[in-house]
């Protein structure tokens, strides 16, 4: 065997050992701690997205409830105003009838 062939064989035999020892020592590639931190970061992002979605849902439900309340309140106000108008009209009619009755009750001399 020639020298370069024997060196090549030695490199092929040693390189897996060196690469596996680098993983064990944390040299090169991602370390376990870095992977853990990345997982935690991803979980935090997911939690933030879920919280934002829940907040948006809450705001939408609140908006719908407020709109519904305003419709009901407006309808209530209108019904109260109509009732007051009817009461005033009835009172005015009664006053007119009373005035008419007084005119009829006055004896002519």
Protein backbone atom coordinates (compact mmCIF):
# COMPACT_ATOMS: atom_id res chain seq x y z
CA UNK A 1 0.00 0.00 0.00
CA UNK A 2 1.12 3.42 -0.74
CA UNK A 3 1.51 6.10 1.84
CA UNK A 4 -1.43 8.23 0.73
CA UNK A 5 -3.72 5.18 0.77
CA UNK A 6 -2.73 4.30 4.32
CA UNK A 7 -3.27 7.92 5.42
CA UNK A 8 -6.68 7.88 3.80
CA UNK A 9 -7.64 4.69 5.64
CA UNK A 10 -6.46 6.17 8.95
CA UNK A 11 -8.49 9.34 8.32
CA UNK A 12 -11.61 7.29 7.53
CA UNK A 13 -11.17 5.25 10.69
CA UNK A 14 -10.45 8.22 12.97
CA UNK A 15 -12.98 10.72 11.61
CA UNK A 16 -16.12 8.96 13.04
CA UNK A 17 -14.44 8.82 16.44
CA UNK A 18 -13.58 12.52 16.31
CA UNK A 19 -17.07 13.50 15.16
CA UNK A 20 -18.80 11.46 17.87
CA UNK A 21 -16.50 12.86 20.55
CA UNK A 22 -17.33 16.38 19.36
CA UNK A 23 -21.02 15.67 19.90
CA UNK A 24 -20.31 14.37 23.39
CA UNK A 25 -18.20 17.39 24.26
CA UNK A 26 -20.67 19.83 22.74
CA UNK A 27 -18.22 20.99 20.12
CA UNK A 28 -19.90 21.73 16.85
CA UNK A 29 -23.60 21.28 16.20
CA UNK A 30 -26.26 22.32 18.66
CA UNK A 31 -25.86 21.60 22.29
CA UNK A 32 -28.62 20.09 24.39
CA UNK A 33 -29.04 23.36 26.24
CA UNK A 34 -29.43 25.29 23.01
CA UNK A 35 -32.03 22.80 21.76
CA UNK A 36 -33.88 23.09 25.06
CA UNK A 37 -33.86 26.88 24.82
CA UNK A 38 -35.15 26.75 21.26
CA UNK A 39 -37.97 24.43 22.36
CA UNK A 40 -38.84 26.79 25.20
CA UNK A 41 -38.83 29.73 22.80
CA UNK A 42 -41.16 27.88 20.44
CA UNK A 43 -43.50 27.03 23.31
CA UNK A 44 -43.55 30.68 24.39
CA UNK A 45 -44.42 31.74 20.84
CA UNK A 46 -47.27 29.24 20.76
CA UNK A 47 -48.55 30.48 24.12
CA UNK A 48 -48.40 34.09 22.94
CA UNK A 49 -50.31 33.21 19.78
CA UNK A 50 -52.95 31.36 21.82
CA UNK A 51 -53.27 34.30 24.22
CA UNK A 52 -53.58 36.75 21.35
CA UNK A 53 -56.25 34.60 19.71
CA UNK A 54 -58.15 34.38 23.00
CA UNK A 55 -57.92 38.16 23.44
CA UNK A 56 -59.20 38.77 19.91
CA UNK A 57 -62.07 36.34 20.51
CA UNK A 58 -62.93 38.08 23.78
CA UNK A 59 -62.86 41.51 22.11
CA UNK A 60 -65.12 40.28 19.29
CA UNK A 61 -67.61 38.79 21.77
CA UNK A 62 -67.54 41.99 23.81
CA UNK A 63 -68.16 44.10 20.70
CA UNK A 64 -71.13 41.93 19.70
CA UNK A 65 -72.57 42.08 23.22
CA UNK A 66 -72.24 45.87 23.30
CA UNK A 67 -73.90 46.21 19.91
CA UNK A 68 -76.75 43.97 21.06
CA UNK A 69 -77.11 45.97 24.27
CA UNK A 70 -77.23 49.25 22.34
CA UNK A 71 -79.94 47.87 20.02
CA UNK A 72 -82.01 46.76 22.98
CA UNK A 73 -81.46 50.03 24.83
CA UNK A 74 -82.43 52.07 21.76
CA UNK A 75 -85.60 50.00 21.34
CA UNK A 76 -86.38 50.50 25.04
CA UNK A 77 -85.87 54.27 24.76
CA UNK A 78 -88.13 54.44 21.72
CA UNK A 79 -90.86 52.46 23.46
CA UNK A 80 -90.61 54.76 26.50
CA UNK A 81 -90.81 57.85 24.31
CA UNK A 82 -93.83 56.44 22.49
CA UNK A 83 -95.50 55.67 25.82
CA UNK A 84 -94.83 59.23 27.03
CA UNK A 85 -96.20 60.68 23.79
CA UNK A 86 -99.35 58.56 24.14
CA UNK A 87 -99.75 59.59 27.77
CA UNK A 88 -99.38 63.28 26.83
CA UNK A 89 -101.87 62.91 23.99
CA UNK A 90 -104.35 61.22 26.31
CA UNK A 91 -103.84 63.94 28.92
CA UNK A 92 -104.38 66.61 26.27
CA UNK A 93 -107.56 64.88 25.09
CA UNK A 94 -108.82 64.67 28.65
CA UNK A 95 -108.11 68.37 29.17
CA UNK A 96 -109.93 69.21 25.96
CA UNK A 97 -112.87 67.05 27.02
CA UNK A 98 -112.90 68.69 30.45
CA UNK A 99 -112.83 72.14 28.86
CA UNK A 100 -115.64 71.13 26.52
CA UNK A 101 -117.59 69.75 29.45
CA UNK A 102 -117.15 73.01 31.36
CA UNK A 103 -118.47 74.96 28.39
CA UNK A 104 -121.52 72.72 28.23
CA UNK A 105 -122.08 72.96 32.00
CA UNK A 106 -122.12 76.76 32.03
CA UNK A 107 -125.74 77.93 32.18
CA UNK A 108 -126.68 80.70 29.85
CA UNK A 109 -128.43 83.66 31.44
